[in-house]
mmCIF file of all heavy atoms, coordinates in Angstrom:
data_MODEL
# 
_entry.id   MODEL 
# 
loop_
_atom_site.group_PDB 
_atom_site.id 
_atom_site.type_symbol 
_atom_site.label_atom_id 
_atom_site.label_alt_id 
_atom_site.label_comp_id 
_atom_site.label_asym_id 
_atom_site.label_entity_id 
_atom_site.label_seq_id 
_atom_site.pdbx_PDB_ins_code 
_atom_site.Cartn_x 
_atom_site.Cartn_y 
_atom_site.Cartn_z 
_atom_site.occupancy 
_atom_site.B_iso_or_equiv 
_atom_site.pdbx_formal_charge 
_atom_site.auth_seq_id 
_atom_site.auth_comp_id 
_atom_site.auth_asym_id 
_atom_site.auth_atom_id 
_atom_site.pdbx_PDB_model_num 
ATOM 1   N N   . ASP A 1 1  ? -17.031 -6.711 -16.485 1.00 0.00 ? 1  ASP A N   1 
ATOM 2   C CA  . ASP A 1 1  ? -16.845 -6.487 -17.921 1.00 0.00 ? 1  ASP A CA  1 
ATOM 3   C C   . ASP A 1 1  ? -16.206 -5.133 -18.236 1.00 0.00 ? 1  ASP A C   1 
ATOM 4   O O   . ASP A 1 1  ? -16.069 -4.764 -19.401 1.00 0.00 ? 1  ASP A O   1 
ATOM 5   C CB  . ASP A 1 1  ? -18.200 -6.581 -18.635 1.00 0.00 ? 1  ASP A CB  1 
ATOM 6   C CG  . ASP A 1 1  ? -18.841 -7.949 -18.465 1.00 0.00 ? 1  ASP A CG  1 
ATOM 7   O OD1 . ASP A 1 1  ? -18.107 -8.951 -18.577 1.00 0.00 ? 1  ASP A OD1 1 
ATOM 8   O OD2 . ASP A 1 1  ? -20.058 -8.011 -18.204 1.00 0.00 ? 1  ASP A OD2 1 
ATOM 9   N N   . LEU A 1 2  ? -15.814 -4.390 -17.190 1.00 0.00 ? 2  LEU A N   1 
ATOM 10  C CA  . LEU A 1 2  ? -15.266 -3.063 -17.404 1.00 0.00 ? 2  LEU A CA  1 
ATOM 11  C C   . LEU A 1 2  ? -13.767 -2.971 -17.138 1.00 0.00 ? 2  LEU A C   1 
ATOM 12  O O   . LEU A 1 2  ? -13.166 -1.921 -17.363 1.00 0.00 ? 2  LEU A O   1 
ATOM 13  C CB  . LEU A 1 2  ? -16.003 -2.042 -16.511 1.00 0.00 ? 2  LEU A CB  1 
ATOM 14  C CG  . LEU A 1 2  ? -17.464 -1.772 -16.868 1.00 0.00 ? 2  LEU A CG  1 
ATOM 15  C CD1 . LEU A 1 2  ? -18.112 -0.855 -15.825 1.00 0.00 ? 2  LEU A CD1 1 
ATOM 16  C CD2 . LEU A 1 2  ? -17.563 -1.129 -18.261 1.00 0.00 ? 2  LEU A CD2 1 
ATOM 17  N N   . LEU A 1 3  ? -13.159 -4.054 -16.661 1.00 0.00 ? 3  LEU A N   1 
ATOM 18  C CA  . LEU A 1 3  ? -11.717 -4.028 -16.399 1.00 0.00 ? 3  LEU A CA  1 
ATOM 19  C C   . LEU A 1 3  ? -10.947 -3.678 -17.671 1.00 0.00 ? 3  LEU A C   1 
ATOM 20  O O   . LEU A 1 3  ? -11.182 -4.251 -18.733 1.00 0.00 ? 3  LEU A O   1 
ATOM 21  C CB  . LEU A 1 3  ? -11.246 -5.370 -15.858 1.00 0.00 ? 3  LEU A CB  1 
ATOM 22  C CG  . LEU A 1 3  ? -11.443 -5.591 -14.352 1.00 0.00 ? 3  LEU A CG  1 
ATOM 23  C CD1 . LEU A 1 3  ? -11.205 -7.049 -13.991 1.00 0.00 ? 3  LEU A CD1 1 
ATOM 24  C CD2 . LEU A 1 3  ? -10.523 -4.687 -13.549 1.00 0.00 ? 3  LEU A CD2 1 
ATOM 25  N N   . GLY A 1 4  ? -10.062 -2.709 -17.545 1.00 0.00 ? 4  GLY A N   1 
ATOM 26  C CA  . GLY A 1 4  ? -9.277  -2.251 -18.687 1.00 0.00 ? 4  GLY A CA  1 
ATOM 27  C C   . GLY A 1 4  ? -9.968  -1.204 -19.530 1.00 0.00 ? 4  GLY A C   1 
ATOM 28  O O   . GLY A 1 4  ? -9.384  -0.716 -20.506 1.00 0.00 ? 4  GLY A O   1 
ATOM 29  N N   . LYS A 1 5  ? -11.187 -0.829 -19.140 1.00 0.00 ? 5  LYS A N   1 
ATOM 30  C CA  . LYS A 1 5  ? -11.949 0.148  -19.921 1.00 0.00 ? 5  LYS A CA  1 
ATOM 31  C C   . LYS A 1 5  ? -12.071 1.475  -19.177 1.00 0.00 ? 5  LYS A C   1 
ATOM 32  O O   . LYS A 1 5  ? -11.968 1.538  -17.951 1.00 0.00 ? 5  LYS A O   1 
ATOM 33  C CB  . LYS A 1 5  ? -13.346 -0.402 -20.233 1.00 0.00 ? 5  LYS A CB  1 
ATOM 34  C CG  . LYS A 1 5  ? -13.316 -1.660 -21.099 1.00 0.00 ? 5  LYS A CG  1 
ATOM 35  C CD  . LYS A 1 5  ? -14.715 -2.160 -21.394 1.00 0.00 ? 5  LYS A CD  1 
ATOM 36  C CE  . LYS A 1 5  ? -14.669 -3.426 -22.260 1.00 0.00 ? 5  LYS A CE  1 
ATOM 37  N NZ  . LYS A 1 5  ? -16.030 -3.959 -22.523 1.00 0.00 ? 5  LYS A NZ  1 
ATOM 38  N N   . GLU A 1 6  ? -12.318 2.528  -19.937 1.00 0.00 ? 6  GLU A N   1 
ATOM 39  C CA  . GLU A 1 6  ? -12.468 3.857  -19.358 1.00 0.00 ? 6  GLU A CA  1 
ATOM 40  C C   . GLU A 1 6  ? -13.832 3.962  -18.679 1.00 0.00 ? 6  GLU A C   1 
ATOM 41  O O   . GLU A 1 6  ? -14.865 3.696  -19.286 1.00 0.00 ? 6  GLU A O   1 
ATOM 42  C CB  . GLU A 1 6  ? -12.336 4.923  -20.444 1.00 0.00 ? 6  GLU A CB  1 
ATOM 43  C CG  . GLU A 1 6  ? -12.351 6.344  -19.913 1.00 0.00 ? 6  GLU A CG  1 
ATOM 44  C CD  . GLU A 1 6  ? -12.120 7.377  -20.997 1.00 0.00 ? 6  GLU A CD  1 
ATOM 45  O OE1 . GLU A 1 6  ? -11.207 7.165  -21.829 1.00 0.00 ? 6  GLU A OE1 1 
ATOM 46  O OE2 . GLU A 1 6  ? -12.861 8.378  -21.021 1.00 0.00 ? 6  GLU A OE2 1 
ATOM 47  N N   . VAL A 1 7  ? -13.824 4.355  -17.399 1.00 0.00 ? 7  VAL A N   1 
ATOM 48  C CA  . VAL A 1 7  ? -15.072 4.473  -16.643 1.00 0.00 ? 7  VAL A CA  1 
ATOM 49  C C   . VAL A 1 7  ? -15.263 5.867  -16.062 1.00 0.00 ? 7  VAL A C   1 
ATOM 50  O O   . VAL A 1 7  ? -16.301 6.166  -15.474 1.00 0.00 ? 7  VAL A O   1 
ATOM 51  C CB  . VAL A 1 7  ? -15.123 3.434  -15.499 1.00 0.00 ? 7  VAL A CB  1 
ATOM 52  C CG1 . VAL A 1 7  ? -15.171 2.021  -16.055 1.00 0.00 ? 7  VAL A CG1 1 
ATOM 53  C CG2 . VAL A 1 7  ? -13.961 3.610  -14.530 1.00 0.00 ? 7  VAL A CG2 1 
ATOM 54  N N   . ALA A 1 8  ? -14.258 6.736  -16.220 1.00 0.00 ? 8  ALA A N   1 
ATOM 55  C CA  . ALA A 1 8  ? -14.314 8.081  -15.653 1.00 0.00 ? 8  ALA A CA  1 
ATOM 56  C C   . ALA A 1 8  ? -13.378 8.983  -16.446 1.00 0.00 ? 8  ALA A C   1 
ATOM 57  O O   . ALA A 1 8  ? -12.546 8.502  -17.228 1.00 0.00 ? 8  ALA A O   1 
ATOM 58  C CB  . ALA A 1 8  ? -13.903 8.048  -14.181 1.00 0.00 ? 8  ALA A CB  1 
ATOM 59  N N   . PRO A 1 9  ? -13.464 10.298 -16.261 1.00 0.00 ? 9  PRO A N   1 
ATOM 60  C CA  . PRO A 1 9  ? -12.506 11.201 -16.918 1.00 0.00 ? 9  PRO A CA  1 
ATOM 61  C C   . PRO A 1 9  ? -11.074 10.873 -16.504 1.00 0.00 ? 9  PRO A C   1 
ATOM 62  O O   . PRO A 1 9  ? -10.825 10.323 -15.428 1.00 0.00 ? 9  PRO A O   1 
ATOM 63  C CB  . PRO A 1 9  ? -12.924 12.587 -16.396 1.00 0.00 ? 9  PRO A CB  1 
ATOM 64  C CG  . PRO A 1 9  ? -14.364 12.435 -16.031 1.00 0.00 ? 9  PRO A CG  1 
ATOM 65  C CD  . PRO A 1 9  ? -14.505 11.038 -15.512 1.00 0.00 ? 9  PRO A CD  1 
ATOM 66  N N   . GLU A 1 10 ? -10.114 11.239 -17.340 1.00 0.00 ? 10 GLU A N   1 
ATOM 67  C CA  . GLU A 1 10 ? -8.724  10.828 -17.120 1.00 0.00 ? 10 GLU A CA  1 
ATOM 68  C C   . GLU A 1 10 ? -8.109  11.447 -15.869 1.00 0.00 ? 10 GLU A C   1 
ATOM 69  O O   . GLU A 1 10 ? -7.089  10.967 -15.370 1.00 0.00 ? 10 GLU A O   1 
ATOM 70  C CB  . GLU A 1 10 ? -7.867  11.165 -18.356 1.00 0.00 ? 10 GLU A CB  1 
ATOM 71  C CG  . GLU A 1 10 ? -7.892  12.609 -18.800 1.00 0.00 ? 10 GLU A CG  1 
ATOM 72  C CD  . GLU A 1 10 ? -6.875  13.467 -18.064 1.00 0.00 ? 10 GLU A CD  1 
ATOM 73  O OE1 . GLU A 1 10 ? -5.894  12.874 -17.570 1.00 0.00 ? 10 GLU A OE1 1 
ATOM 74  O OE2 . GLU A 1 10 ? -7.060  14.689 -17.985 1.00 0.00 ? 10 GLU A OE2 1 
ATOM 75  N N   . TYR A 1 11 ? -8.736  12.475 -15.302 1.00 0.00 ? 11 TYR A N   1 
ATOM 76  C CA  . TYR A 1 11 ? -8.201  13.101 -14.091 1.00 0.00 ? 11 TYR A CA  1 
ATOM 77  C C   . TYR A 1 11 ? -8.760  12.459 -12.812 1.00 0.00 ? 11 TYR A C   1 
ATOM 78  O O   . TYR A 1 11 ? -8.555  12.978 -11.713 1.00 0.00 ? 11 TYR A O   1 
ATOM 79  C CB  . TYR A 1 11 ? -8.478  14.611 -14.084 1.00 0.00 ? 11 TYR A CB  1 
ATOM 80  C CG  . TYR A 1 11 ? -9.881  14.998 -14.489 1.00 0.00 ? 11 TYR A CG  1 
ATOM 81  C CD1 . TYR A 1 11 ? -10.952 14.930 -13.590 1.00 0.00 ? 11 TYR A CD1 1 
ATOM 82  C CD2 . TYR A 1 11 ? -10.150 15.435 -15.789 1.00 0.00 ? 11 TYR A CD2 1 
ATOM 83  C CE1 . TYR A 1 11 ? -12.224 15.288 -13.956 1.00 0.00 ? 11 TYR A CE1 1 
ATOM 84  C CE2 . TYR A 1 11 ? -11.433 15.789 -16.177 1.00 0.00 ? 11 TYR A CE2 1 
ATOM 85  C CZ  . TYR A 1 11 ? -12.468 15.717 -15.260 1.00 0.00 ? 11 TYR A CZ  1 
ATOM 86  O OH  . TYR A 1 11 ? -13.749 16.070 -15.628 1.00 0.00 ? 11 TYR A OH  1 
ATOM 87  N N   . VAL A 1 12 ? -9.442  11.312 -12.951 1.00 0.00 ? 12 VAL A N   1 
ATOM 88  C CA  . VAL A 1 12 ? -10.020 10.623 -11.792 1.00 0.00 ? 12 VAL A CA  1 
ATOM 89  C C   . VAL A 1 12 ? -9.240  9.340  -11.502 1.00 0.00 ? 12 VAL A C   1 
ATOM 90  O O   . VAL A 1 12 ? -9.096  8.481  -12.372 1.00 0.00 ? 12 VAL A O   1 
ATOM 91  C CB  . VAL A 1 12 ? -11.504 10.281 -12.032 1.00 0.00 ? 12 VAL A CB  1 
ATOM 92  C CG1 . VAL A 1 12 ? -12.058 9.431  -10.886 1.00 0.00 ? 12 VAL A CG1 1 
ATOM 93  C CG2 . VAL A 1 12 ? -12.326 11.559 -12.185 1.00 0.00 ? 12 VAL A CG2 1 
ATOM 94  N N   . THR A 1 13 ? -8.724  9.225  -10.279 1.00 0.00 ? 13 THR A N   1 
ATOM 95  C CA  . THR A 1 13 ? -8.050  8.013  -9.819  1.00 0.00 ? 13 THR A CA  1 
ATOM 96  C C   . THR A 1 13 ? -8.604  7.628  -8.454  1.00 0.00 ? 13 THR A C   1 
ATOM 97  O O   . THR A 1 13 ? -8.710  8.467  -7.564  1.00 0.00 ? 13 THR A O   1 
ATOM 98  C CB  . THR A 1 13 ? -6.524  8.217  -9.718  1.00 0.00 ? 13 THR A CB  1 
ATOM 99  O OG1 . THR A 1 13 ? -5.991  8.415  -11.039 1.00 0.00 ? 13 THR A OG1 1 
ATOM 100 C CG2 . THR A 1 13 ? -5.838  7.012  -9.081  1.00 0.00 ? 13 THR A CG2 1 
ATOM 101 N N   . MET A 1 14 ? -8.971  6.353  -8.319  1.00 0.00 ? 14 MET A N   1 
ATOM 102 C CA  . MET A 1 14 ? -9.503  5.838  -7.055  1.00 0.00 ? 14 MET A CA  1 
ATOM 103 C C   . MET A 1 14 ? -8.625  4.686  -6.591  1.00 0.00 ? 14 MET A C   1 
ATOM 104 O O   . MET A 1 14 ? -8.352  3.758  -7.358  1.00 0.00 ? 14 MET A O   1 
ATOM 105 C CB  . MET A 1 14 ? -10.947 5.367  -7.243  1.00 0.00 ? 14 MET A CB  1 
ATOM 106 C CG  . MET A 1 14 ? -11.619 4.888  -5.963  1.00 0.00 ? 14 MET A CG  1 
ATOM 107 S SD  . MET A 1 14 ? -13.332 4.368  -6.279  1.00 0.00 ? 14 MET A SD  1 
ATOM 108 C CE  . MET A 1 14 ? -13.262 2.671  -5.708  1.00 0.00 ? 14 MET A CE  1 
ATOM 109 N N   . SER A 1 15 ? -8.174  4.748  -5.342  1.00 0.00 ? 15 SER A N   1 
ATOM 110 C CA  . SER A 1 15 ? -7.192  3.781  -4.840  1.00 0.00 ? 15 SER A CA  1 
ATOM 111 C C   . SER A 1 15 ? -7.687  3.042  -3.605  1.00 0.00 ? 15 SER A C   1 
ATOM 112 O O   . SER A 1 15 ? -8.604  3.477  -2.911  1.00 0.00 ? 15 SER A O   1 
ATOM 113 C CB  . SER A 1 15 ? -5.879  4.501  -4.490  1.00 0.00 ? 15 SER A CB  1 
ATOM 114 O OG  . SER A 1 15 ? -5.389  5.231  -5.592  1.00 0.00 ? 15 SER A OG  1 
ATOM 115 N N   . GLU A 1 16 ? -7.038  1.926  -3.348  1.00 0.00 ? 16 GLU A N   1 
ATOM 116 C CA  . GLU A 1 16 ? -7.164  1.177  -2.095  1.00 0.00 ? 16 GLU A CA  1 
ATOM 117 C C   . GLU A 1 16 ? -5.748  1.066  -1.580  1.00 0.00 ? 16 GLU A C   1 
ATOM 118 O O   . GLU A 1 16 ? -4.948  0.287  -2.094  1.00 0.00 ? 16 GLU A O   1 
ATOM 119 C CB  . GLU A 1 16 ? -7.739  -0.220 -2.369  1.00 0.00 ? 16 GLU A CB  1 
ATOM 120 C CG  . GLU A 1 16 ? -9.031  -0.515 -1.661  1.00 0.00 ? 16 GLU A CG  1 
ATOM 121 C CD  . GLU A 1 16 ? -8.862  -0.749 -0.180  1.00 0.00 ? 16 GLU A CD  1 
ATOM 122 O OE1 . GLU A 1 16 ? -7.851  -1.322 0.230   1.00 0.00 ? 16 GLU A OE1 1 
ATOM 123 O OE2 . GLU A 1 16 ? -9.756  -0.350 0.576   1.00 0.00 ? 16 GLU A OE2 1 
ATOM 124 N N   . ARG A 1 17 ? -5.413  1.871  -0.558  1.00 0.00 ? 17 ARG A N   1 
ATOM 125 C CA  . ARG A 1 17 ? -3.997  1.937  -0.194  1.00 0.00 ? 17 ARG A CA  1 
ATOM 126 C C   . ARG A 1 17 ? -3.803  2.327  1.265   1.00 0.00 ? 17 ARG A C   1 
ATOM 127 O O   . ARG A 1 17 ? -4.745  2.715  1.955   1.00 0.00 ? 17 ARG A O   1 
ATOM 128 C CB  . ARG A 1 17 ? -3.265  2.932  -1.095  1.00 0.00 ? 17 ARG A CB  1 
ATOM 129 C CG  . ARG A 1 17 ? -3.731  4.386  -0.981  1.00 0.00 ? 17 ARG A CG  1 
ATOM 130 C CD  . ARG A 1 17 ? -2.822  5.279  -1.824  1.00 0.00 ? 17 ARG A CD  1 
ATOM 131 N NE  . ARG A 1 17 ? -3.241  6.677  -1.862  1.00 0.00 ? 17 ARG A NE  1 
ATOM 132 C CZ  . ARG A 1 17 ? -2.903  7.589  -0.943  1.00 0.00 ? 17 ARG A CZ  1 
ATOM 133 N NH1 . ARG A 1 17 ? -2.202  7.230  0.112   1.00 0.00 ? 17 ARG A NH1 1 
ATOM 134 N NH2 . ARG A 1 17 ? -3.298  8.847  -1.068  1.00 0.00 ? 17 ARG A NH2 1 
ATOM 135 N N   . ILE A 1 18 ? -2.555  2.202  1.694   1.00 0.00 ? 18 ILE A N   1 
ATOM 136 C CA  . ILE A 1 18 ? -2.188  2.678  3.017   1.00 0.00 ? 18 ILE A CA  1 
ATOM 137 C C   . ILE A 1 18 ? -2.262  4.204  3.017   1.00 0.00 ? 18 ILE A C   1 
ATOM 138 O O   . ILE A 1 18 ? -1.755  4.859  2.109   1.00 0.00 ? 18 ILE A O   1 
ATOM 139 C CB  . ILE A 1 18 ? -0.760  2.215  3.388   1.00 0.00 ? 18 ILE A CB  1 
ATOM 140 C CG1 . ILE A 1 18 ? -0.686  0.676  3.388   1.00 0.00 ? 18 ILE A CG1 1 
ATOM 141 C CG2 . ILE A 1 18 ? -0.356  2.775  4.751   1.00 0.00 ? 18 ILE A CG2 1 
ATOM 142 C CD1 . ILE A 1 18 ? -1.633  0.006  4.361   1.00 0.00 ? 18 ILE A CD1 1 
ATOM 143 N N   . VAL A 1 19 ? -2.908  4.763  4.032   1.00 0.00 ? 19 VAL A N   1 
ATOM 144 C CA  . VAL A 1 19 ? -3.119  6.200  4.134   1.00 0.00 ? 19 VAL A CA  1 
ATOM 145 C C   . VAL A 1 19 ? -2.653  6.651  5.517   1.00 0.00 ? 19 VAL A C   1 
ATOM 146 O O   . VAL A 1 19 ? -2.846  5.929  6.501   1.00 0.00 ? 19 VAL A O   1 
ATOM 147 C CB  . VAL A 1 19 ? -4.614  6.554  3.954   1.00 0.00 ? 19 VAL A CB  1 
ATOM 148 C CG1 . VAL A 1 19 ? -4.833  8.057  4.061   1.00 0.00 ? 19 VAL A CG1 1 
ATOM 149 C CG2 . VAL A 1 19 ? -5.131  6.046  2.625   1.00 0.00 ? 19 VAL A CG2 1 
ATOM 150 N N   . GLU A 1 20 ? -2.056  7.812  5.602   1.00 0.00 ? 20 GLU A N   1 
ATOM 151 C CA  . GLU A 1 20 ? -1.671  8.357  6.896   1.00 0.00 ? 20 GLU A CA  1 
ATOM 152 C C   . GLU A 1 20 ? -2.886  8.415  7.819   1.00 0.00 ? 20 GLU A C   1 
ATOM 153 O O   . GLU A 1 20 ? -3.891  9.053  7.506   1.00 0.00 ? 20 GLU A O   1 
ATOM 154 C CB  . GLU A 1 20 ? -1.091  9.769  6.711   1.00 0.00 ? 20 GLU A CB  1 
ATOM 155 C CG  . GLU A 1 20 ? -0.757  10.483 8.002   1.00 0.00 ? 20 GLU A CG  1 
ATOM 156 C CD  . GLU A 1 20 ? 0.429   9.872  8.732   1.00 0.00 ? 20 GLU A CD  1 
ATOM 157 O OE1 . GLU A 1 20 ? 1.283   9.249  8.077   1.00 0.00 ? 20 GLU A OE1 1 
ATOM 158 O OE2 . GLU A 1 20 ? 0.494   10.025 9.968   1.00 0.00 ? 20 GLU A OE2 1 
ATOM 159 N N   . GLY A 1 21 ? -2.824  7.695  8.929   1.00 0.00 ? 21 GLY A N   1 
ATOM 160 C CA  . GLY A 1 21 ? -3.929  7.668  9.874   1.00 0.00 ? 21 GLY A CA  1 
ATOM 161 C C   . GLY A 1 21 ? -5.069  6.754  9.484   1.00 0.00 ? 21 GLY A C   1 
ATOM 162 O O   . GLY A 1 21 ? -6.103  6.728  10.156  1.00 0.00 ? 21 GLY A O   1 
ATOM 163 N N   . GLY A 1 22 ? -4.912  5.981  8.422   1.00 0.00 ? 22 GLY A N   1 
ATOM 164 C CA  . GLY A 1 22 ? -6.001  5.120  7.941   1.00 0.00 ? 22 GLY A CA  1 
ATOM 165 C C   . GLY A 1 22 ? -6.381  4.046  8.950   1.00 0.00 ? 22 GLY A C   1 
ATOM 166 O O   . GLY A 1 22 ? -5.523  3.407  9.556   1.00 0.00 ? 22 GLY A O   1 
ATOM 167 N N   . PHE A 1 23 ? -7.689  3.833  9.097   1.00 0.00 ? 23 PHE A N   1 
ATOM 168 C CA  . PHE A 1 23 ? -8.198  2.850  10.060  1.00 0.00 ? 23 PHE A CA  1 
ATOM 169 C C   . PHE A 1 23 ? -8.004  1.424  9.551   1.00 0.00 ? 23 PHE A C   1 
ATOM 170 O O   . PHE A 1 23 ? -8.096  0.469  10.311  1.00 0.00 ? 23 PHE A O   1 
ATOM 171 C CB  . PHE A 1 23 ? -9.684  3.119  10.317  1.00 0.00 ? 23 PHE A CB  1 
ATOM 172 C CG  . PHE A 1 23 ? -10.162 2.760  11.695  1.00 0.00 ? 23 PHE A CG  1 
ATOM 173 C CD1 . PHE A 1 23 ? -9.284  2.398  12.698  1.00 0.00 ? 23 PHE A CD1 1 
ATOM 174 C CD2 . PHE A 1 23 ? -11.511 2.793  11.987  1.00 0.00 ? 23 PHE A CD2 1 
ATOM 175 C CE1 . PHE A 1 23 ? -9.733  2.075  13.974  1.00 0.00 ? 23 PHE A CE1 1 
ATOM 176 C CE2 . PHE A 1 23 ? -11.971 2.475  13.260  1.00 0.00 ? 23 PHE A CE2 1 
ATOM 177 C CZ  . PHE A 1 23 ? -11.085 2.121  14.253  1.00 0.00 ? 23 PHE A CZ  1 
ATOM 178 N N   . GLY A 1 24 ? -7.727  1.268  8.258   1.00 0.00 ? 24 GLY A N   1 
ATOM 179 C CA  . GLY A 1 24 ? -7.534  -0.056 7.688   1.00 0.00 ? 24 GLY A CA  1 
ATOM 180 C C   . GLY A 1 24 ? -6.075  -0.410 7.447   1.00 0.00 ? 24 GLY A C   1 
ATOM 181 O O   . GLY A 1 24 ? -5.769  -1.412 6.808   1.00 0.00 ? 24 GLY A O   1 
ATOM 182 N N   . ASN A 1 25 ? -5.158  0.405  7.962   1.00 0.00 ? 25 ASN A N   1 
ATOM 183 C CA  . ASN A 1 25 ? -3.727  0.174  7.729   1.00 0.00 ? 25 ASN A CA  1 
ATOM 184 C C   . ASN A 1 25 ? -3.240  -1.131 8.359   1.00 0.00 ? 25 ASN A C   1 
ATOM 185 O O   . ASN A 1 25 ? -3.662  -1.499 9.456   1.00 0.00 ? 25 ASN A O   1 
ATOM 186 C CB  . ASN A 1 25 ? -2.901  1.323  8.312   1.00 0.00 ? 25 ASN A CB  1 
ATOM 187 C CG  . ASN A 1 25 ? -3.000  2.599  7.500   1.00 0.00 ? 25 ASN A CG  1 
ATOM 188 O OD1 . ASN A 1 25 ? -3.584  2.619  6.422   1.00 0.00 ? 25 ASN A OD1 1 
ATOM 189 N ND2 . ASN A 1 25 ? -2.434  3.677  8.017   1.00 0.00 ? 25 ASN A ND2 1 
ATOM 190 N N   . ASP A 1 26 ? -2.346  -1.820 7.678   1.00 0.00 ? 26 ASP A N   1 
ATOM 191 C CA  . ASP A 1 26 ? -1.670  -2.992 8.212   1.00 0.00 ? 26 ASP A CA  1 
ATOM 192 C C   . ASP A 1 26 ? -0.494  -3.315 7.297   1.00 0.00 ? 26 ASP A C   1 
ATOM 193 O O   . ASP A 1 26 ? -0.435  -2.825 6.156   1.00 0.00 ? 26 ASP A O   1 
ATOM 194 C CB  . ASP A 1 26 ? -2.601  -4.197 8.305   1.00 0.00 ? 26 ASP A CB  1 
ATOM 195 C CG  . ASP A 1 26 ? -2.196  -5.172 9.413   1.00 0.00 ? 26 ASP A CG  1 
ATOM 196 O OD1 . ASP A 1 26 ? -1.017  -5.132 9.830   1.00 0.00 ? 26 ASP A OD1 1 
ATOM 197 O OD2 . ASP A 1 26 ? -3.043  -5.962 9.854   1.00 0.00 ? 26 ASP A OD2 1 
ATOM 198 N N   . LYS A 1 27 ? 0.421   -4.149 7.758   1.00 0.00 ? 27 LYS A N   1 
ATOM 199 C CA  . LYS A 1 27 ? 1.576   -4.541 6.952   1.00 0.00 ? 27 LYS A CA  1 
ATOM 200 C C   . LYS A 1 27 ? 1.291   -5.816 6.169   1.00 0.00 ? 27 LYS A C   1 
ATOM 201 O O   . LYS A 1 27 ? 1.737   -5.965 5.028   1.00 0.00 ? 27 LYS A O   1 
ATOM 202 C CB  . LYS A 1 27 ? 2.800   -4.740 7.851   1.00 0.00 ? 27 LYS A CB  1 
ATOM 203 C CG  . LYS A 1 27 ? 4.089   -4.971 7.080   1.00 0.00 ? 27 LYS A CG  1 
ATOM 204 C CD  . LYS A 1 27 ? 5.295   -5.022 8.016   1.00 0.00 ? 27 LYS A CD  1 
ATOM 205 C CE  . LYS A 1 27 ? 6.583   -5.247 7.222   1.00 0.00 ? 27 LYS A CE  1 
ATOM 206 N NZ  . LYS A 1 27 ? 7.777   -5.302 8.116   1.00 0.00 ? 27 LYS A NZ  1 
# 
């Protein structure tokens, strides 16, 4: 019920992404 809503201050971003050296990396 929170999709599209503000859940944190505007300077907070949380990602799921490819990271240099990430153990979960794949193509």
